PDB file of N, CA and C in Angstrom:
ATOM      1  N   MET A   1    -110.243  65.531  46.326  1.00  0.00           N
ATOM      2  CA  MET A   1    -110.170  66.894  45.841  1.00  0.00           C
ATOM      3  C   MET A   1    -109.116  67.039  44.757  1.00  0.00           C
ATOM      4  N   SER A   2    -108.094  66.178  44.747  1.00  0.00           N
ATOM      5  CA  SER A   2    -107.046  66.309  43.738  1.00  0.00           C
ATOM      6  C   SER A   2    -107.565  65.959  42.346  1.00  0.00           C
ATOM      7  N   ILE A   3    -108.551  65.066  42.253  1.00  0.00           N
ATOM      8  CA  ILE A   3    -109.134  64.738  40.952  1.00  0.00           C
ATOM      9  C   ILE A   3    -109.856  65.955  40.382  1.00  0.00           C
ATOM     10  N   VAL A   4    -110.619  66.646  41.224  1.00  0.00           N
ATOM     11  CA  VAL A   4    -111.327  67.858  40.776  1.00  0.00           C
ATOM     12  C   VAL A   4    -110.316  68.912  40.347  1.00  0.00           C
ATOM     13  N   TRP A   5    -109.253  69.071  41.126  1.00  0.00           N
ATOM     14  CA  TRP A   5    -108.230  70.053  40.788  1.00  0.00           C
ATOM     15  C   TRP A   5    -107.541  69.691  39.474  1.00  0.00           C
ATOM     16  N   THR A   6    -107.288  68.405  39.235  1.00  0.00           N
ATOM     17  CA  THR A   6    -106.688  67.967  37.980  1.00  0.00           C
ATOM     18  C   THR A   6    -107.609  68.269  36.810  1.00  0.00           C
ATOM     19  N   ILE A   7    -108.913  68.092  36.987  1.00  0.00           N
ATOM     20  CA  ILE A   7    -109.861  68.393  35.922  1.00  0.00           C
ATOM     21  C   ILE A   7    -109.878  69.892  35.621  1.00  0.00           C
ATOM     22  N   VAL A   8    -109.853  70.719  36.665  1.00  0.00           N
ATOM     23  CA  VAL A   8    -109.858  72.174  36.459  1.00  0.00           C
ATOM     24  C   VAL A   8    -108.577  72.615  35.754  1.00  0.00           C
ATOM     25  N   ILE A   9    -107.433  72.169  36.249  1.00  0.00           N
ATOM     26  CA  ILE A   9    -106.151  72.501  35.614  1.00  0.00           C
ATOM     27  C   ILE A   9    -106.104  71.936  34.199  1.00  0.00           C
ATOM     28  N   GLY A  10    -106.622  70.725  34.012  1.00  0.00           N
ATOM     29  CA  GLY A  10    -106.646  70.112  32.686  1.00  0.00           C
ATOM     30  C   GLY A  10    -107.483  70.899  31.704  1.00  0.00           C
ATOM     31  N   PHE A  11    -108.634  71.391  32.143  1.00  0.00           N
ATOM     32  CA  PHE A  11    -109.472  72.194  31.257  1.00  0.00           C
ATOM     33  C   PHE A  11    -108.755  73.481  30.858  1.00  0.00           C
ATOM     34  N   LEU A  12    -108.177  74.159  31.833  1.00  0.00           N
ATOM     35  CA  LEU A  12    -107.449  75.399  31.529  1.00  0.00           C
ATOM     36  C   LEU A  12    -106.266  75.128  30.594  1.00  0.00           C
ATOM     37  N   ALA A  13    -105.547  74.050  30.837  1.00  0.00           N
ATOM     38  CA  ALA A  13    -104.412  73.696  29.985  1.00  0.00           C
ATOM     39  C   ALA A  13    -104.875  73.354  28.574  1.00  0.00           C
ATOM     40  N   GLY A  14    -105.997  72.660  28.443  1.00  0.00           N
ATOM     41  CA  GLY A  14    -106.527  72.324  27.124  1.00  0.00           C
ATOM     42  C   GLY A  14    -106.927  73.553  26.338  1.00  0.00           C
ATOM     43  N   VAL A  15    -107.574  74.514  26.999  1.00  0.00           N
ATOM     44  CA  VAL A  15    -107.980  75.751  26.326  1.00  0.00           C
ATOM     45  C   VAL A  15    -106.755  76.539  25.875  1.00  0.00           C
ATOM     46  N   ILE A  16    -105.770  76.676  26.757  1.00  0.00           N
ATOM     47  CA  ILE A  16    -104.560  77.419  26.402  1.00  0.00           C
ATOM     48  C   ILE A  16    -103.808  76.726  25.271  1.00  0.00           C
ATOM     49  N   ALA A  17    -103.718  75.404  25.321  1.00  0.00           N
ATOM     50  CA  ALA A  17    -103.008  74.656  24.281  1.00  0.00           C
ATOM     51  C   ALA A  17    -103.695  74.791  22.930  1.00  0.00           C
ATOM     52  N   LYS A  18    -105.037  74.825  22.925  1.00  0.00           N
ATOM     53  CA  LYS A  18    -105.755  74.978  21.658  1.00  0.00           C
ATOM     54  C   LYS A  18    -105.485  76.343  21.039  1.00  0.00           C
ATOM     55  N   PHE A  19    -105.309  77.370  21.880  1.00  0.00           N
ATOM     56  CA  PHE A  19    -104.979  78.693  21.357  1.00  0.00           C
ATOM     57  C   PHE A  19    -103.535  78.782  20.876  1.00  0.00           C
ATOM     58  N   LEU A  20    -102.633  78.021  21.488  1.00  0.00           N
ATOM     59  CA  LEU A  20    -101.219  78.077  21.131  1.00  0.00           C
ATOM     60  C   LEU A  20    -100.872  77.246  19.906  1.00  0.00           C
ATOM     61  N   THR A  21    -101.635  76.203  19.643  1.00  0.00           N
ATOM     62  CA  THR A  21    -101.320  75.278  18.564  1.00  0.00           C
ATOM     63  C   THR A  21    -102.065  75.679  17.298  1.00  0.00           C
ATOM     64  N   PRO A  22    -101.343  75.947  16.213  1.00  0.00           N
ATOM     65  CA  PRO A  22    -102.018  76.313  14.965  1.00  0.00           C
ATOM     66  C   PRO A  22    -102.649  75.102  14.303  1.00  0.00           C
ATOM     67  N   GLY A  23    -103.616  75.356  13.442  1.00  0.00           N
ATOM     68  CA  GLY A  23    -104.255  74.281  12.690  1.00  0.00           C
ATOM     69  C   GLY A  23    -105.693  74.085  13.096  1.00  0.00           C
ATOM     70  N   SER A  24    -106.419  73.401  12.241  1.00  0.00           N
ATOM     71  CA  SER A  24    -107.834  73.166  12.507  1.00  0.00           C
ATOM     72  C   SER A  24    -108.121  71.702  12.788  1.00  0.00           C
ATOM     73  N   ASN A  25    -107.117  70.912  13.074  1.00  0.00           N
ATOM     74  CA  ASN A  25    -107.307  69.483  13.282  1.00  0.00           C
ATOM     75  C   ASN A  25    -107.546  69.117  14.737  1.00  0.00           C
ATOM     76  N   GLU A  26    -107.630  70.105  15.622  1.00  0.00           N
ATOM     77  CA  GLU A  26    -107.796  69.780  17.019  1.00  0.00           C
ATOM     78  C   GLU A  26    -109.247  69.459  17.340  1.00  0.00           C
ATOM     79  N   PRO A  27    -109.445  68.696  18.400  1.00  0.00           N
ATOM     80  CA  PRO A  27    -110.812  68.363  18.799  1.00  0.00           C
ATOM     81  C   PRO A  27    -111.540  69.597  19.323  1.00  0.00           C
ATOM     82  N   ALA A  28    -112.853  69.603  19.181  1.00  0.00           N
ATOM     83  CA  ALA A  28    -113.648  70.745  19.624  1.00  0.00           C
ATOM     84  C   ALA A  28    -114.623  70.298  20.704  1.00  0.00           C
ATOM     85  N   GLY A  29    -115.050  71.237  21.501  1.00  0.00           N
ATOM     86  CA  GLY A  29    -116.032  70.937  22.524  1.00  0.00           C
ATOM     87  C   GLY A  29    -115.442  70.964  23.917  1.00  0.00           C
ATOM     88  N   PHE A  30    -116.321  71.196  24.884  1.00  0.00           N
ATOM     89  CA  PHE A  30    -115.928  71.311  26.279  1.00  0.00           C
ATOM     90  C   PHE A  30    -115.318  70.020  26.803  1.00  0.00           C
ATOM     91  N   VAL A  31    -115.965  68.909  26.523  1.00  0.00           N
ATOM     92  CA  VAL A  31    -115.515  67.620  27.056  1.00  0.00           C
ATOM     93  C   VAL A  31    -114.173  67.228  26.441  1.00  0.00           C
ATOM     94  N   LEU A  32    -114.026  67.359  25.119  1.00  0.00           N
ATOM     95  CA  LEU A  32    -112.764  66.985  24.482  1.00  0.00           C
ATOM     96  C   LEU A  32    -111.626  67.918  24.884  1.00  0.00           C
ATOM     97  N   THR A  33    -111.927  69.195  25.097  1.00  0.00           N
ATOM     98  CA  THR A  33    -110.904  70.124  25.566  1.00  0.00           C
ATOM     99  C   THR A  33    -110.428  69.729  26.958  1.00  0.00           C
ATOM    100  N   THR A  34    -111.363  69.367  27.828  1.00  0.00           N
ATOM    101  CA  THR A  34    -111.010  68.934  29.177  1.00  0.00           C
ATOM    102  C   THR A  34    -110.185  67.654  29.139  1.00  0.00           C
ATOM    103  N   ILE A  35    -110.599  66.707  28.328  1.00  0.00           N
ATOM    104  CA  ILE A  35    -109.857  65.440  28.213  1.00  0.00           C
ATOM    105  C   ILE A  35    -108.459  65.692  27.657  1.00  0.00           C
ATOM    106  N   LEU A  36    -108.358  66.567  26.665  1.00  0.00           N
ATOM    107  CA  LEU A  36    -107.055  66.919  26.099  1.00  0.00           C
ATOM    108  C   LEU A  36    -106.135  67.483  27.177  1.00  0.00           C
ATOM    109  N   GLY A  37    -106.638  68.396  27.980  1.00  0.00           N
ATOM    110  CA  GLY A  37    -105.829  68.984  29.044  1.00  0.00           C
ATOM    111  C   GLY A  37    -105.447  67.985  30.114  1.00  0.00           C
ATOM    112  N   ILE A  38    -106.381  67.110  30.484  1.00  0.00           N
ATOM    113  CA  ILE A  38    -106.083  66.098  31.506  1.00  0.00           C
ATOM    114  C   ILE A  38    -105.029  65.125  30.993  1.00  0.00           C
ATOM    115  N   VAL A  39    -105.169  64.699  29.753  1.00  0.00           N
ATOM    116  CA  VAL A  39    -104.158  63.811  29.168  1.00  0.00           C
ATOM    117  C   VAL A  39    -102.820  64.535  29.100  1.00  0.00           C
ATOM    118  N   GLY A  40    -102.854  65.821  28.743  1.00  0.00           N
ATOM    119  CA  GLY A  40    -101.622  66.611  28.720  1.00  0.00           C
ATOM    120  C   GLY A  40    -100.979  66.709  30.087  1.00  0.00           C
ATOM    121  N   ALA A  41    -101.795  66.868  31.126  1.00  0.00           N
ATOM    122  CA  ALA A  41    -101.263  66.931  32.488  1.00  0.00           C
ATOM    123  C   ALA A  41    -100.618  65.602  32.875  1.00  0.00           C
ATOM    124  N   PHE A  42    -101.251  64.493  32.495  1.00  0.00           N
ATOM    125  CA  PHE A  42    -100.670  63.185  32.801  1.00  0.00           C
ATOM    126  C   PHE A  42     -99.385  62.955  32.010  1.00  0.00           C
ATOM    127  N   VAL A  43     -99.358  63.394  30.743  1.00  0.00           N
ATOM    128  CA  VAL A  43     -98.141  63.269  29.930  1.00  0.00           C
ATOM    129  C   VAL A  43     -97.008  64.079  30.559  1.00  0.00           C
ATOM    130  N   ALA A  44     -97.317  65.317  30.954  1.00  0.00           N
ATOM    131  CA  ALA A  44     -96.299  66.169  31.569  1.00  0.00           C
ATOM    132  C   ALA A  44     -95.815  65.593  32.895  1.00  0.00           C
ATOM    133  N   THR A  45     -96.732  65.050  33.682  1.00  0.00           N
ATOM    134  CA  THR A  45     -96.341  64.446  34.961  1.00  0.00           C
ATOM    135  C   THR A  45     -95.448  63.234  34.731  1.00  0.00           C
ATOM    136  N   TYR A  46     -95.825  62.383  33.783  1.00  0.00           N
ATOM    137  CA  TYR A  46     -95.032  61.191  33.494  1.00  0.00           C
ATOM    138  C   TYR A  46     -93.636  61.567  32.996  1.00  0.00           C
ATOM    139  N   LEU A  47     -93.568  62.499  32.033  1.00  0.00           N
ATOM    140  CA  LEU A  47     -92.259  62.899  31.512  1.00  0.00           C
ATOM    141  C   LEU A  47     -91.419  63.590  32.581  1.00  0.00           C
ATOM    142  N   GLY A  48     -92.060  64.432  33.397  1.00  0.00           N
ATOM    143  CA  GLY A  48     -91.341  65.121  34.464  1.00  0.00           C
ATOM    144  C   GLY A  48     -90.780  64.160  35.500  1.00  0.00           C
ATOM    145  N   GLN A  49     -91.550  63.140  35.843  1.00  0.00           N
ATOM    146  CA  GLN A  49     -91.058  62.143  36.799  1.00  0.00           C
ATOM    147  C   GLN A  49     -89.973  61.270  36.174  1.00  0.00           C
ATOM    148  N   ALA A  50     -90.097  60.981  34.873  1.00  0.00           N
ATOM    149  CA  ALA A  50     -89.079  60.177  34.202  1.00  0.00           C
ATOM    150  C   ALA A  50     -87.752  60.933  34.106  1.00  0.00           C
ATOM    151  N   LEU A  51     -87.820  62.248  33.976  1.00  0.00           N
ATOM    152  CA  LEU A  51     -86.612  63.067  33.885  1.00  0.00           C
ATOM    153  C   LEU A  51     -86.154  63.610  35.240  1.00  0.00           C
ATOM    154  N   ASN A  52     -86.805  63.157  36.318  1.00  0.00           N
ATOM    155  CA  ASN A  52     -86.503  63.565  37.693  1.00  0.00           C
ATOM    156  C   ASN A  52     -86.725  65.056  37.935  1.00  0.00           C
ATOM    157  N   TRP A  53     -87.646  65.664  37.213  1.00  0.00           N
ATOM    158  CA  TRP A  53     -88.021  67.058  37.472  1.00  0.00           C
ATOM    159  C   TRP A  53     -89.035  67.124  38.603  1.00  0.00           C
ATOM    160  N   TYR A  54     -89.859  66.087  38.729  1.00  0.00           N
ATOM    161  CA  TYR A  54     -90.864  66.002  39.787  1.00  0.00           C
ATOM    162  C   TYR A  54     -90.573  64.778  40.632  1.00  0.00           C
ATOM    163  N   GLY A  55     -90.948  64.863  41.896  1.00  0.00           N
ATOM    164  CA  GLY A  55     -90.817  63.727  42.789  1.00  0.00           C
ATOM    165  C   GLY A  55     -91.923  62.721  42.532  1.00  0.00           C
ATOM    166  N   PRO A  56     -91.878  61.571  43.227  1.00  0.00           N
ATOM    167  CA  PRO A  56     -92.869  60.525  43.003  1.00  0.00           C
ATOM    168  C   PRO A  56     -94.312  60.958  43.263  1.00  0.00           C
ATOM    169  N   GLY A  57     -94.560  61.846  44.197  1.00  0.00           N
ATOM    170  CA  GLY A  57     -95.930  62.254  44.496  1.00  0.00           C
ATOM    171  C   GLY A  57     -96.339  63.556  43.853  1.00  0.00           C
ATOM    172  N   GLU A  58     -95.429  64.194  43.146  1.00  0.00           N
ATOM    173  CA  GLU A  58     -95.720  65.502  42.562  1.00  0.00           C
ATOM    174  C   GLU A  58     -96.309  65.361  41.169  1.00  0.00           C
ATOM    175  N   GLY A  59     -97.140  66.318  40.820  1.00  0.00           N
ATOM    176  CA  GLY A  59     -97.713  66.363  39.497  1.00  0.00           C
ATOM    177  C   GLY A  59     -97.285  67.632  38.792  1.00  0.00           C
ATOM    178  N   ALA A  60     -97.539  67.678  37.509  1.00  0.00           N
ATOM    179  CA  ALA A  60     -97.203  68.855  36.724  1.00  0.00           C
ATOM    180  C   ALA A  60     -98.156  69.989  37.067  1.00  0.00           C
ATOM    181  N   GLY A  61     -97.651  71.191  37.027  1.00  0.00           N
ATOM    182  CA  GLY A  61     -98.480  72.364  37.246  1.00  0.00           C
ATOM    183  C   GLY A  61     -99.148  72.794  35.946  1.00  0.00           C
ATOM    184  N   LEU A  62     -99.654  73.994  35.936  1.00  0.00           N
ATOM    185  CA  LEU A  62    -100.374  74.500  34.767  1.00  0.00           C
ATOM    186  C   LEU A  62     -99.467  74.586  33.546  1.00  0.00           C
ATOM    187  N   ILE A  63     -98.268  75.100  33.725  1.00  0.00           N
ATOM    188  CA  ILE A  63     -97.357  75.242  32.577  1.00  0.00           C
ATOM    189  C   ILE A  63     -96.973  73.876  32.024  1.00  0.00           C
ATOM    190  N   GLY A  64     -96.665  72.943  32.896  1.00  0.00           N
ATOM    191  CA  GLY A  64     -96.351  71.590  32.450  1.00  0.00           C
ATOM    192  C   GLY A  64     -97.530  70.929  31.762  1.00  0.00           C
ATOM    193  N   ALA A  65     -98.732  71.160  32.288  1.00  0.00           N
ATOM    194  CA  ALA A  65     -99.933  70.589  31.673  1.00  0.00           C
ATOM    195  C   ALA A  65    -100.183  71.191  30.298  1.00  0.00           C
ATOM    196  N   VAL A  66     -99.924  72.489  30.143  1.00  0.00           N
ATOM    197  CA  VAL A  66    -100.081  73.121  28.829  1.00  0.00           C
ATOM    198  C   VAL A  66     -99.089  72.531  27.839  1.00  0.00           C
ATOM    199  N   ILE A  67     -97.844  72.354  28.259  1.00  0.00           N
ATOM    200  CA  ILE A  67     -96.841  71.758  27.373  1.00  0.00           C
ATOM    201  C   ILE A  67     -97.234  70.330  27.009  1.00  0.00           C
ATOM    202  N   GLY A  68     -97.718  69.571  27.981  1.00  0.00           N
ATOM    203  CA  GLY A  68     -98.189  68.214  27.688  1.00  0.00           C
ATOM    204  C   GLY A  68     -99.377  68.209  26.749  1.00  0.00           C
ATOM    205  N   ALA A  69    -100.304  69.154  26.909  1.00  0.00           N
ATOM    206  CA  ALA A  69    -101.470  69.233  26.029  1.00  0.00           C
ATOM    207  C   ALA A  69    -101.067  69.626  24.610  1.00  0.00           C
ATOM    208  N   VAL A  70    -100.060  70.506  24.484  1.00  0.00           N
ATOM    209  CA  VAL A  70     -99.561  70.866  23.148  1.00  0.00           C
ATOM    210  C   VAL A  70     -98.944  69.639  22.480  1.00  0.00           C
ATOM    211  N   ILE A  71     -98.217  68.838  23.243  1.00  0.00           N
ATOM    212  CA  ILE A  71     -97.646  67.598  22.697  1.00  0.00           C
ATOM    213  C   ILE A  71     -98.757  66.669  22.232  1.00  0.00           C
ATOM    214  N   VAL A  72     -99.803  66.521  23.048  1.00  0.00           N
ATOM    215  CA  VAL A  72    -100.935  65.666  22.674  1.00  0.00           C
ATOM    216  C   VAL A  72    -101.614  66.201  21.404  1.00  0.00           C
ATOM    217  N   LEU A  73    -101.774  67.525  21.297  1.00  0.00           N
ATOM    218  CA  LEU A  73    -102.381  68.115  20.102  1.00  0.00           C
ATOM    219  C   LEU A  73    -101.525  67.880  18.863  1.00  0.00           C
ATOM    220  N   MET A  74    -100.217  67.950  19.005  1.00  0.00           N
ATOM    221  CA  MET A  74     -99.335  67.710  17.865  1.00  0.00           C
ATOM    222  C   MET A  74     -99.434  66.262  17.400  1.00  0.00           C
ATOM    223  N   VAL A  75     -99.524  65.333  18.356  1.00  0.00           N
ATOM    224  CA  VAL A  75     -99.705  63.923  17.999  1.00  0.00           C
ATOM    225  C   VAL A  75    -101.065  63.728  17.324  1.00  0.00           C
ATOM    226  N   TRP A  76    -102.113  64.379  17.861  1.00  0.00           N
ATOM    227  CA  TRP A  76    -103.456  64.316  17.269  1.00  0.00           C
ATOM    228  C   TRP A  76    -103.423  64.807  15.823  1.00  0.00           C
ATOM    229  N   ALA A  77    -102.771  65.957  15.579  1.00  0.00           N
ATOM    230  CA  ALA A  77    -102.697  66.535  14.240  1.00  0.00           C
ATOM    231  C   ALA A  77    -101.926  65.618  13.295  1.00  0.00           C
ATOM    232  N   PHE A  78    -100.855  65.002  13.792  1.00  0.00           N
ATOM    233  CA  PHE A  78    -100.071  64.101  12.960  1.00  0.00           C
ATOM    234  C   PHE A  78    -100.899  62.918  12.490  1.00  0.00           C
ATOM    235  N   PHE A  79    -101.621  62.295  13.418  1.00  0.00           N
ATOM    236  CA  PHE A  79    -102.406  61.123  13.047  1.00  0.00           C
ATOM    237  C   PHE A  79    -103.645  61.483  12.245  1.00  0.00           C
ATOM    238  N   SER A  80    -104.237  62.638  12.479  1.00  0.00           N
ATOM    239  CA  SER A  80    -105.418  63.009  11.687  1.00  0.00           C
ATOM    240  C   SER A  80    -105.010  63.379  10.276  1.00  0.00           C
ATOM    241  N   ASN A  81    -103.831  63.986  10.074  1.00  0.00           N
ATOM    242  CA  ASN A  81    -103.345  64.259   8.724  1.00  0.00           C
ATOM    243  C   ASN A  81    -102.970  62.961   8.016  1.00  0.00           C
ATOM    244  N   ARG A  82    -102.466  62.029   8.750  1.00  0.00           N
ATOM    245  CA  ARG A  82    -102.061  60.752   8.191  1.00  0.00           C
ATOM    246  C   ARG A  82    -103.283  59.955   7.700  1.00  0.00           C
ATOM    247  N   GLN A  83    -104.378  60.018   8.443  1.00  0.00           N
ATOM    248  CA  GLN A  83    -105.584  59.285   8.047  1.00  0.00           C
ATOM    249  C   GLN A  83    -106.236  59.910   6.810  1.00  0.00           C
ATOM    250  N   ARG A  84    -106.149  61.230   6.673  1.00  0.00           N
ATOM    251  CA  ARG A  84    -106.732  61.882   5.501  1.00  0.00           C
ATOM    252  C   ARG A  84    -106.024  61.537   4.226  1.00  0.00           C
ATOM    253  N   SER A  85    -104.705  61.370   4.284  1.00  0.00           N
ATOM    254  CA  SER A  85    -103.939  61.115   3.074  1.00  0.00           C
ATOM    255  C   SER A  85    -104.036  59.670   2.614  1.00  0.00           C
ATOM    256  N   VAL A  86    -104.562  58.771   3.443  1.00  0.00           N
ATOM    257  CA  VAL A  86    -104.681  57.359   3.079  1.00  0.00           C
ATOM    258  C   VAL A  86    -105.900  57.127   2.242  1.00  0.00           C
TER     259      VAL A  86
END
């Protein structure tokens, strides 16, 4: 059940992050939005555990997942702008 919950939280985090992040370089579509949010949740969980904000079995919540998804979107925008200029 935790995988399903991660997908639901990831989708919500991806949608919120797409609204918060300016620019048109973000991925579009239901599947990519969900993947963006899930990756953001994993990024937030990893960083939170590395900084001792979360315990070993804890994961990031919705706010942490949104912050992680915004970080992923910023990295996406950086690399997509970099490829265009080459």
